[in-house]
Amino acid sequence: MGKSFKEPIRFKWIWVVLAVITLAGVPWYLPQGTIYPIILGFPYWAFISVVSTVVLAIFMNYVINNYWDMESLVEKDEEGGQNK
């Protein structure tokens, strides 16, 4: 019971990276009403949003795989089930 579980919410740098990716993905910083240049058939603001979404998915995958100890949670559930 004295085990502490590894959770990504406790790492402040993860929150900073999430905020940066989110802010970069919403192109509020670009001039209003522009659509050129067209990149791969998308206006550049849409391309920025798509790339940001992919980067967010890759980052979240990294965080979950490296900073979230799911095995400890499974062990805790198994221990709890045996006591019933």
PDB file of N, CA and C in Angstrom:
ATOM      1  N   MET A   1       0.813  -1.214   0.000  1.00  0.00           N
ATOM      2  CA  MET A   1       0.000   0.000   0.000  1.00  0.00           C
ATOM      3  C   MET A   1       0.843   1.259   0.000  1.00  0.00           C
ATOM      4  N   GLY A   2       2.088   1.189   0.489  1.00  0.00           N
ATOM      5  CA  GLY A   2       2.925   2.358   0.592  1.00  0.00           C
ATOM      6  C   GLY A   2       3.529   2.810  -0.732  1.00  0.00           C
ATOM      7  N   LYS A   3       3.219   2.072  -1.797  1.00  0.00           N
ATOM      8  CA  LYS A   3       3.765   2.433  -3.108  1.00  0.00           C
ATOM      9  C   LYS A   3       3.176   3.742  -3.605  1.00  0.00           C
ATOM     10  N   SER A   4       4.014   4.559  -4.221  1.00  0.00           N
ATOM     11  CA  SER A   4       3.485   5.741  -4.893  1.00  0.00           C
ATOM     12  C   SER A   4       3.422   5.428  -6.381  1.00  0.00           C
ATOM     13  N   PHE A   5       2.347   5.780  -7.005  1.00  0.00           N
ATOM     14  CA  PHE A   5       2.147   5.473  -8.405  1.00  0.00           C
ATOM     15  C   PHE A   5       2.741   6.574  -9.264  1.00  0.00           C
ATOM     16  N   LYS A   6       3.331   6.154 -10.351  1.00  0.00           N
ATOM     17  CA  LYS A   6       3.962   7.085 -11.287  1.00  0.00           C
ATOM     18  C   LYS A   6       2.870   7.661 -12.183  1.00  0.00           C
ATOM     19  N   GLU A   7       2.608   8.945 -12.038  1.00  0.00           N
ATOM     20  CA  GLU A   7       1.572   9.605 -12.815  1.00  0.00           C
ATOM     21  C   GLU A   7       2.143  10.833 -13.499  1.00  0.00           C
ATOM     22  N   PRO A   8       1.799  11.029 -14.780  1.00  0.00           N
ATOM     23  CA  PRO A   8       2.356  12.170 -15.521  1.00  0.00           C
ATOM     24  C   PRO A   8       1.869  13.519 -15.010  1.00  0.00           C
ATOM     25  N   ILE A   9       0.775  13.561 -14.289  1.00  0.00           N
ATOM     26  CA  ILE A   9       0.229  14.834 -13.808  1.00  0.00           C
ATOM     27  C   ILE A   9       1.194  15.522 -12.840  1.00  0.00           C
ATOM     28  N   ARG A  10       2.092  14.771 -12.250  1.00  0.00           N
ATOM     29  CA  ARG A  10       3.021  15.325 -11.261  1.00  0.00           C
ATOM     30  C   ARG A  10       4.238  16.005 -11.886  1.00  0.00           C
ATOM     31  N   PHE A  11       4.452  15.851 -13.189  1.00  0.00           N
ATOM     32  CA  PHE A  11       5.601  16.446 -13.866  1.00  0.00           C
ATOM     33  C   PHE A  11       5.174  17.760 -14.513  1.00  0.00           C
ATOM     34  N   LYS A  12       5.695  18.861 -14.004  1.00  0.00           N
ATOM     35  CA  LYS A  12       5.276  20.184 -14.497  1.00  0.00           C
ATOM     36  C   LYS A  12       5.696  20.437 -15.941  1.00  0.00           C
ATOM     37  N   TRP A  13       6.817  19.894 -16.369  1.00  0.00           N
ATOM     38  CA  TRP A  13       7.268  20.139 -17.734  1.00  0.00           C
ATOM     39  C   TRP A  13       6.296  19.577 -18.758  1.00  0.00           C
ATOM     40  N   ILE A  14       5.592  18.505 -18.406  1.00  0.00           N
ATOM     41  CA  ILE A  14       4.595  17.936 -19.318  1.00  0.00           C
ATOM     42  C   ILE A  14       3.483  18.948 -19.567  1.00  0.00           C
ATOM     43  N   TRP A  15       3.051  19.643 -18.522  1.00  0.00           N
ATOM     44  CA  TRP A  15       2.003  20.661 -18.674  1.00  0.00           C
ATOM     45  C   TRP A  15       2.473  21.810 -19.559  1.00  0.00           C
ATOM     46  N   VAL A  16       3.740  22.196 -19.409  1.00  0.00           N
ATOM     47  CA  VAL A  16       4.284  23.285 -20.223  1.00  0.00           C
ATOM     48  C   VAL A  16       4.294  22.883 -21.699  1.00  0.00           C
ATOM     49  N   VAL A  17       4.760  21.672 -21.993  1.00  0.00           N
ATOM     50  CA  VAL A  17       4.799  21.206 -23.379  1.00  0.00           C
ATOM     51  C   VAL A  17       3.385  21.107 -23.945  1.00  0.00           C
ATOM     52  N   LEU A  18       2.429  20.605 -23.166  1.00  0.00           N
ATOM     53  CA  LEU A  18       1.042  20.534 -23.622  1.00  0.00           C
ATOM     54  C   LEU A  18       0.491  21.917 -23.949  1.00  0.00           C
ATOM     55  N   ALA A  19       0.792  22.886 -23.107  1.00  0.00           N
ATOM     56  CA  ALA A  19       0.319  24.255 -23.353  1.00  0.00           C
ATOM     57  C   ALA A  19       0.931  24.830 -24.618  1.00  0.00           C
ATOM     58  N   VAL A  20       2.227  24.599 -24.830  1.00  0.00           N
ATOM     59  CA  VAL A  20       2.902  25.121 -26.021  1.00  0.00           C
ATOM     60  C   VAL A  20       2.325  24.482 -27.289  1.00  0.00           C
ATOM     61  N   ILE A  21       2.132  23.172 -27.274  1.00  0.00           N
ATOM     62  CA  ILE A  21       1.573  22.491 -28.447  1.00  0.00           C
ATOM     63  C   ILE A  21       0.154  22.988 -28.721  1.00  0.00           C
ATOM     64  N   THR A  22      -0.636  23.145 -27.682  1.00  0.00           N
ATOM     65  CA  THR A  22      -2.011  23.613 -27.852  1.00  0.00           C
ATOM     66  C   THR A  22      -2.052  25.030 -28.406  1.00  0.00           C
ATOM     67  N   LEU A  23      -1.248  25.921 -27.850  1.00  0.00           N
ATOM     68  CA  LEU A  23      -1.218  27.299 -28.334  1.00  0.00           C
ATOM     69  C   LEU A  23      -0.684  27.397 -29.761  1.00  0.00           C
ATOM     70  N   ALA A  24       0.281  26.557 -30.093  1.00  0.00           N
ATOM     71  CA  ALA A  24       0.813  26.564 -31.461  1.00  0.00           C
ATOM     72  C   ALA A  24      -0.209  26.022 -32.454  1.00  0.00           C
ATOM     73  N   GLY A  25      -1.081  25.137 -32.007  1.00  0.00           N
ATOM     74  CA  GLY A  25      -2.066  24.518 -32.891  1.00  0.00           C
ATOM     75  C   GLY A  25      -3.261  25.383 -33.202  1.00  0.00           C
ATOM     76  N   VAL A  26      -3.455  26.431 -32.446  1.00  0.00           N
ATOM     77  CA  VAL A  26      -4.544  27.374 -32.711  1.00  0.00           C
ATOM     78  C   VAL A  26      -3.894  28.625 -33.290  1.00  0.00           C
ATOM     79  N   PRO A  27      -3.945  28.780 -34.597  1.00  0.00           N
ATOM     80  CA  PRO A  27      -3.146  29.839 -35.231  1.00  0.00           C
ATOM     81  C   PRO A  27      -3.732  31.243 -35.062  1.00  0.00           C
ATOM     82  N   TRP A  28      -3.937  31.644 -33.849  1.00  0.00           N
ATOM     83  CA  TRP A  28      -4.441  32.983 -33.531  1.00  0.00           C
ATOM     84  C   TRP A  28      -3.395  34.057 -33.810  1.00  0.00           C
ATOM     85  N   TYR A  29      -2.157  33.637 -33.908  1.00  0.00           N
ATOM     86  CA  TYR A  29      -1.048  34.571 -34.083  1.00  0.00           C
ATOM     87  C   TYR A  29      -0.807  34.933 -35.549  1.00  0.00           C
ATOM     88  N   LEU A  30      -1.573  34.319 -36.474  1.00  0.00           N
ATOM     89  CA  LEU A  30      -1.403  34.601 -37.903  1.00  0.00           C
ATOM     90  C   LEU A  30      -2.316  35.745 -38.329  1.00  0.00           C
ATOM     91  N   PRO A  31      -2.000  36.416 -39.434  1.00  0.00           N
ATOM     92  CA  PRO A  31      -2.860  37.509 -39.919  1.00  0.00           C
ATOM     93  C   PRO A  31      -4.273  36.999 -40.245  1.00  0.00           C
ATOM     94  N   GLN A  32      -5.257  37.774 -39.911  1.00  0.00           N
ATOM     95  CA  GLN A  32      -6.648  37.389 -40.108  1.00  0.00           C
ATOM     96  C   GLN A  32      -7.010  37.354 -41.592  1.00  0.00           C
ATOM     97  N   GLY A  33      -7.738  36.303 -41.990  1.00  0.00           N
ATOM     98  CA  GLY A  33      -8.275  36.206 -43.334  1.00  0.00           C
ATOM     99  C   GLY A  33      -7.322  35.719 -44.405  1.00  0.00           C
ATOM    100  N   THR A  34      -6.117  35.325 -44.045  1.00  0.00           N
ATOM    101  CA  THR A  34      -5.186  34.840 -45.070  1.00  0.00           C
ATOM    102  C   THR A  34      -5.315  33.336 -45.233  1.00  0.00           C
ATOM    103  N   ILE A  35      -5.205  32.880 -46.472  1.00  0.00           N
ATOM    104  CA  ILE A  35      -5.231  31.437 -46.713  1.00  0.00           C
ATOM    105  C   ILE A  35      -3.999  30.975 -47.483  1.00  0.00           C
ATOM    106  N   TYR A  36      -3.232  31.894 -48.014  1.00  0.00           N
ATOM    107  CA  TYR A  36      -2.055  31.527 -48.814  1.00  0.00           C
ATOM    108  C   TYR A  36      -0.810  31.599 -47.964  1.00  0.00           C
ATOM    109  N   PRO A  37       0.139  30.734 -48.097  1.00  0.00           N
ATOM    110  CA  PRO A  37       0.280  29.726 -49.127  1.00  0.00           C
ATOM    111  C   PRO A  37      -0.567  28.488 -48.836  1.00  0.00           C
ATOM    112  N   ILE A  38      -0.850  27.747 -49.894  1.00  0.00           N
ATOM    113  CA  ILE A  38      -1.551  26.470 -49.782  1.00  0.00           C
ATOM    114  C   ILE A  38      -0.486  25.377 -49.671  1.00  0.00           C
ATOM    115  N   ILE A  39      -0.576  24.565 -48.641  1.00  0.00           N
ATOM    116  CA  ILE A  39       0.391  23.490 -48.407  1.00  0.00           C
ATOM    117  C   ILE A  39      -0.353  22.161 -48.449  1.00  0.00           C
ATOM    118  N   LEU A  40       0.006  21.314 -49.388  1.00  0.00           N
ATOM    119  CA  LEU A  40      -0.633  20.002 -49.562  1.00  0.00           C
ATOM    120  C   LEU A  40      -2.152  20.126 -49.679  1.00  0.00           C
ATOM    121  N   GLY A  41      -2.617  21.179 -50.296  1.00  0.00           N
ATOM    122  CA  GLY A  41      -4.043  21.373 -50.505  1.00  0.00           C
ATOM    123  C   GLY A  41      -4.768  22.069 -49.368  1.00  0.00           C
ATOM    124  N   PHE A  42      -4.071  22.398 -48.298  1.00  0.00           N
ATOM    125  CA  PHE A  42      -4.665  23.065 -47.140  1.00  0.00           C
ATOM    126  C   PHE A  42      -4.147  24.496 -47.054  1.00  0.00           C
ATOM    127  N   PRO A  43      -4.979  25.422 -46.581  1.00  0.00           N
ATOM    128  CA  PRO A  43      -4.427  26.730 -46.218  1.00  0.00           C
ATOM    129  C   PRO A  43      -3.379  26.519 -45.122  1.00  0.00           C
ATOM    130  N   TYR A  44      -2.394  27.371 -45.071  1.00  0.00           N
ATOM    131  CA  TYR A  44      -1.301  27.128 -44.121  1.00  0.00           C
ATOM    132  C   TYR A  44      -1.751  27.086 -42.670  1.00  0.00           C
ATOM    133  N   TRP A  45      -2.816  27.828 -42.310  1.00  0.00           N
ATOM    134  CA  TRP A  45      -3.291  27.776 -40.924  1.00  0.00           C
ATOM    135  C   TRP A  45      -3.881  26.405 -40.596  1.00  0.00           C
ATOM    136  N   ALA A  46      -4.547  25.779 -41.578  1.00  0.00           N
ATOM    137  CA  ALA A  46      -5.094  24.432 -41.362  1.00  0.00           C
ATOM    138  C   ALA A  46      -3.960  23.418 -41.299  1.00  0.00           C
ATOM    139  N   PHE A  47      -2.950  23.597 -42.118  1.00  0.00           N
ATOM    140  CA  PHE A  47      -1.785  22.717 -42.088  1.00  0.00           C
ATOM    141  C   PHE A  47      -1.097  22.784 -40.726  1.00  0.00           C
ATOM    142  N   ILE A  48      -0.974  23.999 -40.183  1.00  0.00           N
ATOM    143  CA  ILE A  48      -0.377  24.166 -38.849  1.00  0.00           C
ATOM    144  C   ILE A  48      -1.197  23.421 -37.798  1.00  0.00           C
ATOM    145  N   SER A  49      -2.510  23.513 -37.880  1.00  0.00           N
ATOM    146  CA  SER A  49      -3.378  22.826 -36.919  1.00  0.00           C
ATOM    147  C   SER A  49      -3.267  21.312 -37.033  1.00  0.00           C
ATOM    148  N   VAL A  50      -3.203  20.796 -38.253  1.00  0.00           N
ATOM    149  CA  VAL A  50      -3.076  19.347 -38.459  1.00  0.00           C
ATOM    150  C   VAL A  50      -1.735  18.850 -37.929  1.00  0.00           C
ATOM    151  N   VAL A  51      -0.672  19.555 -38.244  1.00  0.00           N
ATOM    152  CA  VAL A  51       0.650  19.163 -37.758  1.00  0.00           C
ATOM    153  C   VAL A  51       0.695  19.214 -36.231  1.00  0.00           C
ATOM    154  N   SER A  52       0.099  20.224 -35.655  1.00  0.00           N
ATOM    155  CA  SER A  52       0.061  20.346 -34.203  1.00  0.00           C
ATOM    156  C   SER A  52      -0.710  19.188 -33.568  1.00  0.00           C
ATOM    157  N   THR A  53      -1.786  18.771 -34.194  1.00  0.00           N
ATOM    158  CA  THR A  53      -2.559  17.639 -33.681  1.00  0.00           C
ATOM    159  C   THR A  53      -1.738  16.359 -33.717  1.00  0.00           C
ATOM    160  N   VAL A  54      -0.994  16.154 -34.793  1.00  0.00           N
ATOM    161  CA  VAL A  54      -0.134  14.972 -34.895  1.00  0.00           C
ATOM    162  C   VAL A  54       0.963  15.023 -33.836  1.00  0.00           C
ATOM    163  N   VAL A  55       1.567  16.192 -33.649  1.00  0.00           N
ATOM    164  CA  VAL A  55       2.612  16.355 -32.625  1.00  0.00           C
ATOM    165  C   VAL A  55       2.033  16.080 -31.235  1.00  0.00           C
ATOM    166  N   LEU A  56       0.821  16.563 -30.979  1.00  0.00           N
ATOM    167  CA  LEU A  56       0.176  16.317 -29.687  1.00  0.00           C
ATOM    168  C   LEU A  56      -0.058  14.830 -29.469  1.00  0.00           C
ATOM    169  N   ALA A  57      -0.512  14.125 -30.483  1.00  0.00           N
ATOM    170  CA  ALA A  57      -0.745  12.685 -30.361  1.00  0.00           C
ATOM    171  C   ALA A  57       0.556  11.933 -30.087  1.00  0.00           C
ATOM    172  N   ILE A  58       1.626  12.300 -30.784  1.00  0.00           N
ATOM    173  CA  ILE A  58       2.922  11.659 -30.563  1.00  0.00           C
ATOM    174  C   ILE A  58       3.431  11.951 -29.154  1.00  0.00           C
ATOM    175  N   PHE A  59       3.298  13.193 -28.714  1.00  0.00           N
ATOM    176  CA  PHE A  59       3.754  13.556 -27.370  1.00  0.00           C
ATOM    177  C   PHE A  59       2.960  12.818 -26.295  1.00  0.00           C
ATOM    178  N   MET A  60       1.644  12.749 -26.465  1.00  0.00           N
ATOM    179  CA  MET A  60       0.823  12.047 -25.469  1.00  0.00           C
ATOM    180  C   MET A  60       1.158  10.557 -25.438  1.00  0.00           C
ATOM    181  N   ASN A  61       1.435   9.975 -26.587  1.00  0.00           N
ATOM    182  CA  ASN A  61       1.849   8.577 -26.639  1.00  0.00           C
ATOM    183  C   ASN A  61       3.157   8.379 -25.867  1.00  0.00           C
ATOM    184  N   TYR A  62       4.101   9.296 -26.065  1.00  0.00           N
ATOM    185  CA  TYR A  62       5.369   9.240 -25.334  1.00  0.00           C
ATOM    186  C   TYR A  62       5.149   9.344 -23.823  1.00  0.00           C
ATOM    187  N   VAL A  63       4.330  10.295 -23.419  1.00  0.00           N
ATOM    188  CA  VAL A  63       4.078  10.499 -21.988  1.00  0.00           C
ATOM    189  C   VAL A  63       3.423   9.264 -21.379  1.00  0.00           C
ATOM    190  N   ILE A  64       2.422   8.739 -22.035  1.00  0.00           N
ATOM    191  CA  ILE A  64       1.717   7.570 -21.493  1.00  0.00           C
ATOM    192  C   ILE A  64       2.648   6.365 -21.401  1.00  0.00           C
ATOM    193  N   ASN A  65       3.465   6.158 -22.418  1.00  0.00           N
ATOM    194  CA  ASN A  65       4.364   5.002 -22.402  1.00  0.00           C
ATOM    195  C   ASN A  65       5.508   5.132 -21.412  1.00  0.00           C
ATOM    196  N   ASN A  66       5.979   6.353 -21.162  1.00  0.00           N
ATOM    197  CA  ASN A  66       7.173   6.528 -20.333  1.00  0.00           C
ATOM    198  C   ASN A  66       6.924   7.098 -18.942  1.00  0.00           C
ATOM    199  N   TYR A  67       5.780   7.731 -18.722  1.00  0.00           N
ATOM    200  CA  TYR A  67       5.559   8.395 -17.443  1.00  0.00           C
ATOM    201  C   TYR A  67       4.302   7.923 -16.708  1.00  0.00           C
ATOM    202  N   TRP A  68       3.634   6.934 -17.223  1.00  0.00           N
ATOM    203  CA  TRP A  68       2.426   6.448 -16.567  1.00  0.00           C
ATOM    204  C   TRP A  68       2.614   4.973 -16.299  1.00  0.00           C
ATOM    205  N   ASP A  69       2.712   4.614 -15.049  1.00  0.00           N
ATOM    206  CA  ASP A  69       2.989   3.245 -14.650  1.00  0.00           C
ATOM    207  C   ASP A  69       1.679   2.475 -14.502  1.00  0.00           C
ATOM    208  N   MET A  70       1.194   1.935 -15.604  1.00  0.00           N
ATOM    209  CA  MET A  70      -0.074   1.212 -15.601  1.00  0.00           C
ATOM    210  C   MET A  70       0.038  -0.141 -14.896  1.00  0.00           C
ATOM    211  N   GLU A  71       1.217  -0.753 -14.892  1.00  0.00           N
ATOM    212  CA  GLU A  71       1.381  -2.047 -14.242  1.00  0.00           C
ATOM    213  C   GLU A  71       1.119  -1.960 -12.748  1.00  0.00           C
ATOM    214  N   SER A  72       1.522  -0.874 -12.122  1.00  0.00           N
ATOM    215  CA  SER A  72       1.259  -0.696 -10.690  1.00  0.00           C
ATOM    216  C   SER A  72      -0.233  -0.597 -10.424  1.00  0.00           C
ATOM    217  N   LEU A  73      -0.966   0.048 -11.318  1.00  0.00           N
ATOM    218  CA  LEU A  73      -2.407   0.160 -11.150  1.00  0.00           C
ATOM    219  C   LEU A  73      -3.082  -1.195 -11.308  1.00  0.00           C
ATOM    220  N   VAL A  74      -2.604  -2.019 -12.232  1.00  0.00           N
ATOM    221  CA  VAL A  74      -3.157  -3.361 -12.416  1.00  0.00           C
ATOM    222  C   VAL A  74      -2.876  -4.200 -11.180  1.00  0.00           C
ATOM    223  N   GLU A  75      -1.660  -4.123 -10.644  1.00  0.00           N
ATOM    224  CA  GLU A  75      -1.311  -4.864  -9.435  1.00  0.00           C
ATOM    225  C   GLU A  75      -2.185  -4.431  -8.263  1.00  0.00           C
ATOM    226  N   LYS A  76      -2.451  -3.140  -8.152  1.00  0.00           N
ATOM    227  CA  LYS A  76      -3.288  -2.625  -7.070  1.00  0.00           C
ATOM    228  C   LYS A  76      -4.710  -3.178  -7.205  1.00  0.00           C
ATOM    229  N   ASP A  77      -5.242  -3.193  -8.431  1.00  0.00           N
ATOM    230  CA  ASP A  77      -6.576  -3.743  -8.655  1.00  0.00           C
ATOM    231  C   ASP A  77      -6.631  -5.222  -8.320  1.00  0.00           C
ATOM    232  N   GLU A  78      -5.589  -5.970  -8.675  1.00  0.00           N
ATOM    233  CA  GLU A  78      -5.549  -7.401  -8.375  1.00  0.00           C
ATOM    234  C   GLU A  78      -5.482  -7.642  -6.875  1.00  0.00           C
ATOM    235  N   GLU A  79      -4.704  -6.837  -6.151  1.00  0.00           N
ATOM    236  CA  GLU A  79      -4.624  -6.962  -4.700  1.00  0.00           C
ATOM    237  C   GLU A  79      -5.959  -6.658  -4.052  1.00  0.00           C
ATOM    238  N   GLY A  80      -6.646  -5.650  -4.557  1.00  0.00           N
ATOM    239  CA  GLY A  80      -7.942  -5.275  -4.023  1.00  0.00           C
ATOM    240  C   GLY A  80      -8.986  -6.356  -4.267  1.00  0.00           C
ATOM    241  N   GLY A  81      -8.911  -7.021  -5.402  1.00  0.00           N
ATOM    242  CA  GLY A  81      -9.847  -8.086  -5.737  1.00  0.00           C
ATOM    243  C   GLY A  81      -9.661  -9.322  -4.888  1.00  0.00           C
ATOM    244  N   GLN A  82      -8.447  -9.585  -4.428  1.00  0.00           N
ATOM    245  CA  GLN A  82      -8.163 -10.764  -3.615  1.00  0.00           C
ATOM    246  C   GLN A  82      -8.662 -10.587  -2.185  1.00  0.00           C
ATOM    247  N   ASN A  83      -8.801  -9.365  -1.727  1.00  0.00           N
ATOM    248  CA  ASN A  83      -9.231  -9.107  -0.346  1.00  0.00           C
ATOM    249  C   ASN A  83     -10.725  -9.256  -0.169  1.00  0.00           C
ATOM    250  N   LYS A  84     -11.472  -9.317  -1.273  1.00  0.00           N
ATOM    251  CA  LYS A  84     -12.938  -9.379  -1.166  1.00  0.00           C
ATOM    252  C   LYS A  84     -13.429 -10.763  -0.878  1.00  0.00           C
TER     253      LYS A  84
END
